Amino acid sequence: MKKEKPSKTAYKVALNILALGAKPEMAGILPSGIVNATEKLLISSGVASAKTVRLYRSRRMVRVYEFFDWMMPGQFEGFACRKAFCERQVRQSIDAGARQVLVLGAGYDTMGWRLAPEFPNVNFFEIDHPATACLKALGIKEMGLRPNLYLIAEDLSERKLSDVLSDNVDWRLSAQTVIVAEGLLQYLSPVEVRDLFAQCAAITGECRIVFTYISTGEDGRPDCGPRTRLVLWLLKVGGEPWLWSVRPEELGQFLKSVGWINAPELEGAAGKHGVEMYAVATKSSRTDTEQGTEGDAANHSP
């Protein structure tokens, strides 16, 4: 993403949600109220015109999306499954005692705004690059502020997450927390992904992290389906390339190396939708992490 411009990916995802709302069969999958809230946010923030919103909420646009679904089969409807998965995990975490929700790279997602009134004792935090976050803040202000929703405009490539949250008086290190990294990790470099997981562990107490990721193909690149070469090229040309992926069978070891434990029993809707994989991890103890590190060292010793 070009730093001075709002995220094109965030805009595309929001438009995708509008189009999915025009498919009757998606009503049972999409989170309640997400389509109308997304429409209000795009218009009130000035990100999209009312005319554009009407176009994307039409069956005509559904046919367009379905026509281009050959590029990444299943990805169009996969966005509905992704939103449902993340919101289900957040709700389950709140039921289990979480009192903080942190959404990383929130874009034009409306989950925090929709859930905040339902859970007044839970604080919802969103962090995104200022170019996107400031536009969203304008829209949220127009739609109606939530006293327990905090929008944070920060570039995490320039400032560490741990520093950002340590400066926020409303963030509580001791609070049980759920972190959401939806459709984010593939845009980060391997070093940035490792650092992000490590920072998420450092700024939370009891915590689970909900995320999506791209599997690594046989050629070592992110697996975008049968048109991988074309898709990766288009993403690169568009200025928002995919940089990180991991094979599902290697995810557990990766998470262990950065202080987390893979928790497939919490996934609910496990598996793959479109080209994306879903996962949930919980924080490991220091002993677990040290043992994993020592094990890695032993496995790589001469």
C-alpha atoms as a PDB file:
ATOM      1  CA  MET A   1       0.000   0.000   0.000  1.00  0.00           C
ATOM      2  CA  LYS A   2       1.273   3.463  -0.838  1.00  0.00           C
ATOM      3  CA  LYS A   3       1.623   5.164   2.505  1.00  0.00           C
ATOM      4  CA  GLU A   4       0.025   8.438   1.498  1.00  0.00           C
ATOM      5  CA  LYS A   5      -3.082   6.791   0.046  1.00  0.00           C
ATOM      6  CA  PRO A   6      -5.930   4.792   1.626  1.00  0.00           C
ATOM      7  CA  SER A   7      -5.738   1.037   1.200  1.00  0.00           C
ATOM      8  CA  LYS A   8      -7.155  -0.165  -2.101  1.00  0.00           C
ATOM      9  CA  THR A   9      -7.538  -3.632  -0.633  1.00  0.00           C
ATOM     10  CA  ALA A  10      -9.688  -2.351   2.237  1.00  0.00           C
ATOM     11  CA  TYR A  11     -11.928  -0.586  -0.276  1.00  0.00           C
ATOM     12  CA  LYS A  12     -12.229  -3.699  -2.445  1.00  0.00           C
ATOM     13  CA  VAL A  13     -13.134  -5.863   0.535  1.00  0.00           C
ATOM     14  CA  ALA A  14     -15.875  -3.427   1.572  1.00  0.00           C
ATOM     15  CA  LEU A  15     -17.326  -3.397  -1.946  1.00  0.00           C
ATOM     16  CA  ASN A  16     -17.179  -7.182  -1.988  1.00  0.00           C
ATOM     17  CA  ILE A  17     -19.285  -7.272   1.171  1.00  0.00           C
ATOM     18  CA  LEU A  18     -21.892  -5.061  -0.490  1.00  0.00           C
ATOM     19  CA  ALA A  19     -22.080  -7.382  -3.495  1.00  0.00           C
ATOM     20  CA  LEU A  20     -22.367 -10.445  -1.263  1.00  0.00           C
ATOM     21  CA  GLY A  21     -25.369  -8.788   0.338  1.00  0.00           C
ATOM     22  CA  ALA A  22     -27.139  -9.026  -3.013  1.00  0.00           C
ATOM     23  CA  LYS A  23     -26.881 -12.836  -2.931  1.00  0.00           C
ATOM     24  CA  PRO A  24     -29.845 -14.199  -0.908  1.00  0.00           C
ATOM     25  CA  GLU A  25     -27.941 -17.354   0.016  1.00  0.00           C
ATOM     26  CA  MET A  26     -25.300 -15.271   1.800  1.00  0.00           C
ATOM     27  CA  ALA A  27     -27.829 -13.983   4.355  1.00  0.00           C
ATOM     28  CA  GLY A  28     -27.227 -17.026   6.524  1.00  0.00           C
ATOM     29  CA  ILE A  29     -23.442 -16.608   6.408  1.00  0.00           C
ATOM     30  CA  LEU A  30     -22.725 -12.884   6.617  1.00  0.00           C
ATOM     31  CA  PRO A  31     -22.759 -11.398  10.141  1.00  0.00           C
ATOM     32  CA  SER A  32     -26.005  -9.630  10.968  1.00  0.00           C
ATOM     33  CA  GLY A  33     -26.076  -5.977   9.942  1.00  0.00           C
ATOM     34  CA  ILE A  34     -22.689  -5.996   8.194  1.00  0.00           C
ATOM     35  CA  VAL A  35     -23.934  -5.035   4.731  1.00  0.00           C
ATOM     36  CA  ASN A  36     -26.001  -2.033   5.833  1.00  0.00           C
ATOM     37  CA  ALA A  37     -23.269  -0.856   8.196  1.00  0.00           C
ATOM     38  CA  THR A  38     -20.658  -1.120   5.439  1.00  0.00           C
ATOM     39  CA  GLU A  39     -22.861   0.906   3.107  1.00  0.00           C
ATOM     40  CA  LYS A  40     -23.290   3.632   5.725  1.00  0.00           C
ATOM     41  CA  LEU A  41     -19.576   3.728   6.461  1.00  0.00           C
ATOM     42  CA  LEU A  42     -18.492   4.012   2.829  1.00  0.00           C
ATOM     43  CA  ILE A  43     -20.938   6.819   2.118  1.00  0.00           C
ATOM     44  CA  SER A  44     -20.531   8.747   5.374  1.00  0.00           C
ATOM     45  CA  SER A  45     -16.731   8.655   5.111  1.00  0.00           C
ATOM     46  CA  GLY A  46     -16.787   9.800   1.492  1.00  0.00           C
ATOM     47  CA  VAL A  47     -14.939   6.665   0.398  1.00  0.00           C
ATOM     48  CA  ALA A  48     -17.725   5.722  -2.020  1.00  0.00           C
ATOM     49  CA  SER A  49     -20.683   7.556  -3.519  1.00  0.00           C
ATOM     50  CA  ALA A  50     -24.294   6.489  -3.095  1.00  0.00           C
ATOM     51  CA  LYS A  51     -24.315   5.624  -6.809  1.00  0.00           C
ATOM     52  CA  THR A  52     -21.330   3.302  -6.401  1.00  0.00           C
ATOM     53  CA  VAL A  53     -22.926   1.635  -3.401  1.00  0.00           C
ATOM     54  CA  ARG A  54     -26.161   1.016  -5.308  1.00  0.00           C
ATOM     55  CA  LEU A  55     -24.207  -0.528  -8.162  1.00  0.00           C
ATOM     56  CA  TYR A  56     -22.331  -2.925  -5.885  1.00  0.00           C
ATOM     57  CA  ARG A  57     -25.497  -3.950  -4.067  1.00  0.00           C
ATOM     58  CA  SER A  58     -27.035  -5.149  -7.321  1.00  0.00           C
ATOM     59  CA  ARG A  59     -27.333  -8.581  -8.900  1.00  0.00           C
ATOM     60  CA  ARG A  60     -25.482  -7.154 -11.870  1.00  0.00           C
ATOM     61  CA  MET A  61     -22.352  -6.731  -9.787  1.00  0.00           C
ATOM     62  CA  VAL A  62     -22.781 -10.207  -8.332  1.00  0.00           C
ATOM     63  CA  ARG A  63     -22.593 -11.599 -11.855  1.00  0.00           C
ATOM     64  CA  VAL A  64     -19.411  -9.595 -12.462  1.00  0.00           C
ATOM     65  CA  TYR A  65     -17.778 -10.996  -9.337  1.00  0.00           C
ATOM     66  CA  GLU A  66     -18.854 -14.518 -10.187  1.00  0.00           C
ATOM     67  CA  PHE A  67     -17.454 -14.150 -13.704  1.00  0.00           C
ATOM     68  CA  PHE A  68     -14.025 -13.172 -12.377  1.00  0.00           C
ATOM     69  CA  ASP A  69     -14.057 -15.831  -9.661  1.00  0.00           C
ATOM     70  CA  TRP A  70     -12.070 -18.073 -12.005  1.00  0.00           C
ATOM     71  CA  MET A  71      -8.952 -16.139 -10.991  1.00  0.00           C
ATOM     72  CA  MET A  72      -9.188 -17.269  -7.348  1.00  0.00           C
ATOM     73  CA  PRO A  73     -11.995 -19.842  -7.223  1.00  0.00           C
ATOM     74  CA  GLY A  74     -14.263 -19.462  -4.218  1.00  0.00           C
ATOM     75  CA  GLN A  75     -12.717 -16.206  -3.052  1.00  0.00           C
ATOM     76  CA  PHE A  76     -15.812 -14.079  -3.709  1.00  0.00           C
ATOM     77  CA  GLU A  77     -17.987 -16.031  -1.268  1.00  0.00           C
ATOM     78  CA  GLY A  78     -14.903 -16.667   0.851  1.00  0.00           C
ATOM     79  CA  PHE A  79     -15.053 -13.076   2.086  1.00  0.00           C
ATOM     80  CA  ALA A  80     -18.427 -13.816   3.698  1.00  0.00           C
ATOM     81  CA  CYS A  81     -17.021 -16.909   5.403  1.00  0.00           C
ATOM     82  CA  ARG A  82     -13.999 -14.909   6.571  1.00  0.00           C
ATOM     83  CA  LYS A  83     -16.100 -12.178   8.159  1.00  0.00           C
ATOM     84  CA  ALA A  84     -18.344 -14.758   9.805  1.00  0.00           C
ATOM     85  CA  PHE A  85     -15.361 -16.700  11.140  1.00  0.00           C
ATOM     86  CA  CYS A  86     -13.714 -13.660  12.709  1.00  0.00           C
ATOM     87  CA  GLU A  87     -16.895 -12.368  14.293  1.00  0.00           C
ATOM     88  CA  ARG A  88     -17.802 -15.799  15.624  1.00  0.00           C
ATOM     89  CA  GLN A  89     -14.377 -16.055  17.236  1.00  0.00           C
ATOM     90  CA  VAL A  90     -14.713 -12.614  18.811  1.00  0.00           C
ATOM     91  CA  ARG A  91     -18.116 -13.474  20.232  1.00  0.00           C
ATOM     92  CA  GLN A  92     -16.855 -16.775  21.602  1.00  0.00           C
ATOM     93  CA  SER A  93     -13.864 -15.021  23.157  1.00  0.00           C
ATOM     94  CA  ILE A  94     -16.146 -12.469  24.842  1.00  0.00           C
ATOM     95  CA  ASP A  95     -18.327 -15.285  26.151  1.00  0.00           C
ATOM     96  CA  ALA A  96     -15.138 -16.854  27.546  1.00  0.00           C
ATOM     97  CA  GLY A  97     -14.234 -13.653  29.404  1.00  0.00           C
ATOM     98  CA  ALA A  98     -12.407 -11.390  26.933  1.00  0.00           C
ATOM     99  CA  ARG A  99     -12.817  -7.708  27.745  1.00  0.00           C
ATOM    100  CA  GLN A 100     -10.637  -6.268  24.980  1.00  0.00           C
ATOM    101  CA  VAL A 101     -10.866  -6.746  21.228  1.00  0.00           C
ATOM    102  CA  LEU A 102      -8.059  -5.515  18.992  1.00  0.00           C
ATOM    103  CA  VAL A 103      -8.468  -5.475  15.208  1.00  0.00           C
ATOM    104  CA  LEU A 104      -5.245  -4.987  13.269  1.00  0.00           C
ATOM    105  CA  GLY A 105      -5.392  -3.442   9.808  1.00  0.00           C
ATOM    106  CA  ALA A 106      -9.116  -2.896  10.313  1.00  0.00           C
ATOM    107  CA  GLY A 107      -9.769  -1.135   7.016  1.00  0.00           C
ATOM    108  CA  TYR A 108     -13.477  -0.433   6.610  1.00  0.00           C
ATOM    109  CA  ASP A 109     -14.554  -3.354   8.771  1.00  0.00           C
ATOM    110  CA  THR A 110     -17.621  -2.574  10.908  1.00  0.00           C
ATOM    111  CA  MET A 111     -17.455  -5.333  13.513  1.00  0.00           C
ATOM    112  CA  GLY A 112     -16.283  -3.047  16.336  1.00  0.00           C
ATOM    113  CA  TRP A 113     -18.917  -0.427  15.598  1.00  0.00           C
ATOM    114  CA  ARG A 114     -21.673  -3.047  15.436  1.00  0.00           C
ATOM    115  CA  LEU A 115     -20.665  -5.046  18.515  1.00  0.00           C
ATOM    116  CA  ALA A 116     -19.690  -2.189  20.831  1.00  0.00           C
ATOM    117  CA  PRO A 117     -23.282  -1.361  21.902  1.00  0.00           C
ATOM    118  CA  GLU A 118     -24.048  -5.058  22.392  1.00  0.00           C
ATOM    119  CA  PHE A 119     -21.055  -5.499  24.701  1.00  0.00           C
ATOM    120  CA  PRO A 120     -20.706  -2.225  26.638  1.00  0.00           C
ATOM    121  CA  ASN A 121     -18.248  -3.795  29.102  1.00  0.00           C
ATOM    122  CA  VAL A 122     -15.827  -4.717  26.319  1.00  0.00           C
ATOM    123  CA  ASN A 123     -13.400  -2.223  24.786  1.00  0.00           C
ATOM    124  CA  PHE A 124     -12.907  -2.450  21.033  1.00  0.00           C
ATOM    125  CA  PHE A 125      -9.672  -1.131  19.520  1.00  0.00           C
ATOM    126  CA  GLU A 126      -8.841  -0.782  15.835  1.00  0.00           C
ATOM    127  CA  ILE A 127      -5.476   0.121  14.353  1.00  0.00           C
ATOM    128  CA  ASP A 128      -4.791   1.014  10.753  1.00  0.00           C
ATOM    129  CA  HIS A 129      -2.593   3.250   8.666  1.00  0.00           C
ATOM    130  CA  PRO A 130      -3.622   6.926   9.038  1.00  0.00           C
ATOM    131  CA  ALA A 131      -4.504   7.266   5.344  1.00  0.00           C
ATOM    132  CA  THR A 132      -7.287   4.702   5.827  1.00  0.00           C
ATOM    133  CA  ALA A 133      -8.052   5.152   9.521  1.00  0.00           C
ATOM    134  CA  CYS A 134      -8.696   8.894   9.300  1.00  0.00           C
ATOM    135  CA  LEU A 135     -11.273   8.427   6.549  1.00  0.00           C
ATOM    136  CA  LYS A 136     -12.958   5.724   8.557  1.00  0.00           C
ATOM    137  CA  ALA A 137     -13.025   7.955  11.636  1.00  0.00           C
ATOM    138  CA  LEU A 138     -14.957  10.559   9.674  1.00  0.00           C
ATOM    139  CA  GLY A 139     -17.521   7.957   8.730  1.00  0.00           C
ATOM    140  CA  ILE A 140     -17.849   6.574  12.254  1.00  0.00           C
ATOM    141  CA  LYS A 141     -18.358  10.062  13.618  1.00  0.00           C
ATOM    142  CA  GLU A 142     -21.205  10.583  11.156  1.00  0.00           C
ATOM    143  CA  MET A 143     -22.728   7.173  11.908  1.00  0.00           C
ATOM    144  CA  GLY A 144     -22.527   7.617  15.678  1.00  0.00           C
ATOM    145  CA  LEU A 145     -19.565   7.310  18.020  1.00  0.00           C
ATOM    146  CA  ARG A 146     -19.322   4.388  20.436  1.00  0.00           C
ATOM    147  CA  PRO A 147     -17.815   5.182  23.855  1.00  0.00           C
ATOM    148  CA  ASN A 148     -16.056   1.790  23.941  1.00  0.00           C
ATOM    149  CA  LEU A 149     -14.711   1.897  20.358  1.00  0.00           C
ATOM    150  CA  TYR A 150     -11.224   3.353  19.918  1.00  0.00           C
ATOM    151  CA  LEU A 151      -9.894   4.072  16.426  1.00  0.00           C
ATOM    152  CA  ILE A 152      -6.116   4.376  16.353  1.00  0.00           C
ATOM    153  CA  ALA A 153      -4.383   5.837  13.302  1.00  0.00           C
ATOM    154  CA  GLU A 154      -0.832   4.501  13.257  1.00  0.00           C
ATOM    155  CA  ASP A 155       1.610   3.140  10.706  1.00  0.00           C
ATOM    156  CA  LEU A 156       2.893  -0.049  12.316  1.00  0.00           C
ATOM    157  CA  SER A 157       5.769  -0.185   9.849  1.00  0.00           C
ATOM    158  CA  GLU A 158       7.113   2.961  11.516  1.00  0.00           C
ATOM    159  CA  ARG A 159       6.026   2.452  15.132  1.00  0.00           C
ATOM    160  CA  LYS A 160       5.816  -0.743  17.132  1.00  0.00           C
ATOM    161  CA  LEU A 161       2.442  -2.023  18.206  1.00  0.00           C
ATOM    162  CA  SER A 162       3.703  -2.356  21.766  1.00  0.00           C
ATOM    163  CA  ASP A 163       4.635   1.344  21.820  1.00  0.00           C
ATOM    164  CA  VAL A 164       1.312   2.405  20.307  1.00  0.00           C
ATOM    165  CA  LEU A 165      -0.748   0.560  22.909  1.00  0.00           C
ATOM    166  CA  SER A 166       1.472   1.403  25.863  1.00  0.00           C
ATOM    167  CA  ASP A 167       0.677   5.064  25.157  1.00  0.00           C
ATOM    168  CA  ASN A 168      -3.069   4.389  25.184  1.00  0.00           C
ATOM    169  CA  VAL A 169      -4.512   4.898  28.668  1.00  0.00           C
ATOM    170  CA  ASP A 170      -7.526   2.711  27.880  1.00  0.00           C
ATOM    171  CA  TRP A 171      -5.488  -0.356  26.917  1.00  0.00           C
ATOM    172  CA  ARG A 172      -5.055  -2.803  29.797  1.00  0.00           C
ATOM    173  CA  LEU A 173      -2.238  -5.321  29.702  1.00  0.00           C
ATOM    174  CA  SER A 174      -3.972  -7.493  32.282  1.00  0.00           C
ATOM    175  CA  ALA A 175      -7.318  -7.748  30.462  1.00  0.00           C
ATOM    176  CA  GLN A 176      -8.260 -10.957  28.691  1.00  0.00           C
ATOM    177  CA  THR A 177      -7.990 -10.085  25.003  1.00  0.00           C
ATOM    178  CA  VAL A 178      -8.797 -11.320  21.520  1.00  0.00           C
ATOM    179  CA  ILE A 179      -6.794 -10.009  18.564  1.00  0.00           C
ATOM    180  CA  VAL A 180      -8.016 -10.181  14.967  1.00  0.00           C
ATOM    181  CA  ALA A 181      -5.651 -10.119  11.992  1.00  0.00           C
ATOM    182  CA  GLU A 182      -8.020 -10.685   9.102  1.00  0.00           C
ATOM    183  CA  GLY A 183      -6.617 -10.656   5.569  1.00  0.00           C
ATOM    184  CA  LEU A 184      -3.482  -8.906   6.830  1.00  0.00           C
ATOM    185  CA  LEU A 185      -0.518 -11.224   7.215  1.00  0.00           C
ATOM    186  CA  GLN A 186       0.018 -11.950   3.514  1.00  0.00           C
ATOM    187  CA  TYR A 187       0.841  -8.273   2.946  1.00  0.00           C
ATOM    188  CA  LEU A 188       3.686  -8.318   5.490  1.00  0.00           C
ATOM    189  CA  SER A 189       7.245  -9.544   5.038  1.00  0.00           C
ATOM    190  CA  PRO A 190       8.320 -12.692   6.948  1.00  0.00           C
ATOM    191  CA  VAL A 191      10.262 -10.536   9.411  1.00  0.00           C
ATOM    192  CA  GLU A 192       7.249  -8.267   9.958  1.00  0.00           C
ATOM    193  CA  VAL A 193       4.941 -11.244  10.562  1.00  0.00           C
ATOM    194  CA  ARG A 194       7.243 -12.720  13.195  1.00  0.00           C
ATOM    195  CA  ASP A 195       7.632  -9.344  14.858  1.00  0.00           C
ATOM    196  CA  LEU A 196       3.881  -8.742  14.871  1.00  0.00           C
ATOM    197  CA  PHE A 197       3.140 -12.041  16.627  1.00  0.00           C
ATOM    198  CA  ALA A 198       5.883 -11.337  19.153  1.00  0.00           C
ATOM    199  CA  GLN A 199       4.501  -7.859  19.854  1.00  0.00           C
ATOM    200  CA  CYS A 200       0.954  -9.192  20.212  1.00  0.00           C
ATOM    201  CA  ALA A 201       2.250 -11.573  22.857  1.00  0.00           C
ATOM    202  CA  ALA A 202       4.082  -8.742  24.636  1.00  0.00           C
ATOM    203  CA  ILE A 203       1.091  -6.385  24.915  1.00  0.00           C
ATOM    204  CA  THR A 204      -1.459  -8.886  26.217  1.00  0.00           C
ATOM    205  CA  GLY A 205      -2.133 -11.109  29.195  1.00  0.00           C
ATOM    206  CA  GLU A 206      -4.465 -14.042  28.537  1.00  0.00           C
ATOM    207  CA  CYS A 207      -5.144 -13.829  24.822  1.00  0.00           C
ATOM    208  CA  ARG A 208      -6.136 -15.570  21.639  1.00  0.00           C
ATOM    209  CA  ILE A 209      -5.309 -14.328  18.162  1.00  0.00           C
ATOM    210  CA  VAL A 210      -7.637 -14.973  15.246  1.00  0.00           C
ATOM    211  CA  PHE A 211      -6.103 -14.716  11.791  1.00  0.00           C
ATOM    212  CA  THR A 212      -6.221 -15.747   8.175  1.00  0.00           C
ATOM    213  CA  TYR A 213      -3.260 -16.693   6.054  1.00  0.00           C
ATOM    214  CA  ILE A 214      -2.227 -17.955   2.646  1.00  0.00           C
ATOM    215  CA  SER A 215      -0.742 -21.400   2.177  1.00  0.00           C
ATOM    216  CA  THR A 216       2.631 -21.796   0.489  1.00  0.00           C
ATOM    217  CA  GLY A 217       2.553 -23.591  -2.850  1.00  0.00           C
ATOM    218  CA  GLU A 218       4.984 -26.183  -4.166  1.00  0.00           C
ATOM    219  CA  ASP A 219       6.979 -23.419  -5.853  1.00  0.00           C
ATOM    220  CA  GLY A 220       7.521 -21.652  -2.525  1.00  0.00           C
ATOM    221  CA  ARG A 221       5.221 -18.732  -3.357  1.00  0.00           C
ATOM    222  CA  PRO A 222       1.826 -17.877  -1.847  1.00  0.00           C
ATOM    223  CA  ASP A 223      -0.735 -20.282  -3.308  1.00  0.00           C
ATOM    224  CA  CYS A 224      -3.416 -18.216  -5.037  1.00  0.00           C
ATOM    225  CA  GLY A 225      -4.979 -21.168  -6.820  1.00  0.00           C
ATOM    226  CA  PRO A 226      -4.682 -22.224 -10.466  1.00  0.00           C
ATOM    227  CA  ARG A 227      -3.827 -18.682 -11.614  1.00  0.00           C
ATOM    228  CA  THR A 228      -1.158 -18.002  -9.000  1.00  0.00           C
ATOM    229  CA  ARG A 229       1.331 -16.421 -11.368  1.00  0.00           C
ATOM    230  CA  LEU A 230      -1.256 -14.000 -12.777  1.00  0.00           C
ATOM    231  CA  VAL A 231      -2.748 -13.105  -9.384  1.00  0.00           C
ATOM    232  CA  LEU A 232       0.604 -12.426  -7.766  1.00  0.00           C
ATOM    233  CA  TRP A 233       1.603 -10.254 -10.714  1.00  0.00           C
ATOM    234  CA  LEU A 234      -1.624  -8.249 -10.514  1.00  0.00           C
ATOM    235  CA  LEU A 235      -1.200  -7.753  -6.778  1.00  0.00           C
ATOM    236  CA  LYS A 236       2.363  -6.540  -7.297  1.00  0.00           C
ATOM    237  CA  VAL A 237       1.380  -4.166 -10.083  1.00  0.00           C
ATOM    238  CA  GLY A 238      -1.446  -2.860  -7.892  1.00  0.00           C
ATOM    239  CA  GLY A 239       1.072  -1.898  -5.226  1.00  0.00           C
ATOM    240  CA  GLU A 240      -0.152  -4.331  -2.544  1.00  0.00           C
ATOM    241  CA  PRO A 241       1.766  -7.591  -3.139  1.00  0.00           C
ATOM    242  CA  TRP A 242       1.474 -10.764  -1.097  1.00  0.00           C
ATOM    243  CA  LEU A 243       4.749 -11.385   0.722  1.00  0.00           C
ATOM    244  CA  TRP A 244       4.163 -14.055   3.377  1.00  0.00           C
ATOM    245  CA  SER A 245       2.655 -17.509   3.424  1.00  0.00           C
ATOM    246  CA  VAL A 246       3.086 -20.720   5.384  1.00  0.00           C
ATOM    247  CA  ARG A 247       2.182 -24.347   4.786  1.00  0.00           C
ATOM    248  CA  PRO A 248      -0.630 -25.495   7.121  1.00  0.00           C
ATOM    249  CA  GLU A 249       1.462 -28.404   8.362  1.00  0.00           C
ATOM    250  CA  GLU A 250       4.200 -25.937   9.372  1.00  0.00           C
ATOM    251  CA  LEU A 251       1.928 -23.394  11.057  1.00  0.00           C
ATOM    252  CA  GLY A 252       2.105 -24.963  14.510  1.00  0.00           C
ATOM    253  CA  GLN A 253       5.886 -24.864  14.602  1.00  0.00           C
ATOM    254  CA  PHE A 254       5.945 -21.302  13.311  1.00  0.00           C
ATOM    255  CA  LEU A 255       3.511 -20.156  15.999  1.00  0.00           C
ATOM    256  CA  LYS A 256       5.472 -21.941  18.700  1.00  0.00           C
ATOM    257  CA  SER A 257       8.616 -20.108  17.623  1.00  0.00           C
ATOM    258  CA  VAL A 258       6.931 -16.717  18.149  1.00  0.00           C
ATOM    259  CA  GLY A 259       5.243 -17.421  21.483  1.00  0.00           C
ATOM    260  CA  TRP A 260       1.876 -18.860  20.458  1.00  0.00           C
ATOM    261  CA  ILE A 261       0.168 -22.251  20.371  1.00  0.00           C
ATOM    262  CA  ASN A 262      -1.949 -23.361  17.429  1.00  0.00           C
ATOM    263  CA  ALA A 263      -5.493 -23.997  18.689  1.00  0.00           C
ATOM    264  CA  PRO A 264      -7.464 -25.794  15.962  1.00  0.00           C
ATOM    265  CA  GLU A 265     -10.072 -26.820  18.539  1.00  0.00           C
ATOM    266  CA  LEU A 266     -11.126 -23.139  18.690  1.00  0.00           C
ATOM    267  CA  GLU A 267     -11.430 -22.570  14.963  1.00  0.00           C
ATOM    268  CA  GLY A 268     -15.057 -23.519  14.529  1.00  0.00           C
ATOM    269  CA  ALA A 269     -15.002 -23.158  10.741  1.00  0.00           C
ATOM    270  CA  ALA A 270     -11.612 -24.703  10.113  1.00  0.00           C
ATOM    271  CA  GLY A 271     -10.103 -25.234   6.718  1.00  0.00           C
ATOM    272  CA  LYS A 272      -9.941 -23.184   3.573  1.00  0.00           C
ATOM    273  CA  HIS A 273     -12.374 -20.780   1.928  1.00  0.00           C
ATOM    274  CA  GLY A 274     -11.312 -19.389  -1.406  1.00  0.00           C
ATOM    275  CA  VAL A 275      -7.531 -19.182  -1.188  1.00  0.00           C
ATOM    276  CA  GLU A 276      -7.384 -18.304   2.521  1.00  0.00           C
ATOM    277  CA  MET A 277      -6.811 -20.502   5.554  1.00  0.00           C
ATOM    278  CA  TYR A 278      -8.266 -19.729   8.985  1.00  0.00           C
ATOM    279  CA  ALA A 279      -6.510 -20.186  12.302  1.00  0.00           C
ATOM    280  CA  VAL A 280      -6.675 -19.386  16.012  1.00  0.00           C
ATOM    281  CA  ALA A 281      -3.761 -19.385  18.433  1.00  0.00           C
ATOM    282  CA  THR A 282      -3.401 -18.857  22.156  1.00  0.00           C
ATOM    283  CA  LYS A 283      -0.414 -17.498  24.045  1.00  0.00           C
ATOM    284  CA  SER A 284       2.143 -20.019  25.169  1.00  0.00           C
ATOM    285  CA  SER A 285       3.901 -19.824  28.493  1.00  0.00           C
ATOM    286  CA  ARG A 286       7.508 -18.691  28.573  1.00  0.00           C
ATOM    287  CA  THR A 287       8.547 -22.264  29.341  1.00  0.00           C
ATOM    288  CA  ASP A 288       6.748 -23.579  26.251  1.00  0.00           C
ATOM    289  CA  THR A 289       8.445 -20.984  24.063  1.00  0.00           C
ATOM    290  CA  GLU A 290      11.865 -21.663  25.523  1.00  0.00           C
ATOM    291  CA  GLN A 291      11.439 -25.396  25.048  1.00  0.00           C
ATOM    292  CA  GLY A 292      10.380 -24.842  21.455  1.00  0.00           C
ATOM    293  CA  THR A 293      13.409 -22.652  20.818  1.00  0.00           C
ATOM    294  CA  GLU A 294      15.715 -25.160  22.417  1.00  0.00           C
ATOM    295  CA  GLY A 295      14.138 -27.922  20.359  1.00  0.00           C
ATOM    296  CA  ASP A 296      14.671 -25.959  17.177  1.00  0.00           C
ATOM    297  CA  ALA A 297      18.300 -25.401  18.095  1.00  0.00           C
ATOM    298  CA  ALA A 298      18.776 -29.088  18.773  1.00  0.00           C
ATOM    299  CA  ASN A 299      17.169 -30.050  15.494  1.00  0.00           C
ATOM    300  CA  HIS A 300      19.510 -27.737  13.579  1.00  0.00           C
ATOM    301  CA  SER A 301      22.710 -28.589  15.450  1.00  0.00           C
ATOM    302  CA  PRO A 302      25.474 -30.376  13.484  1.00  0.00           C
END
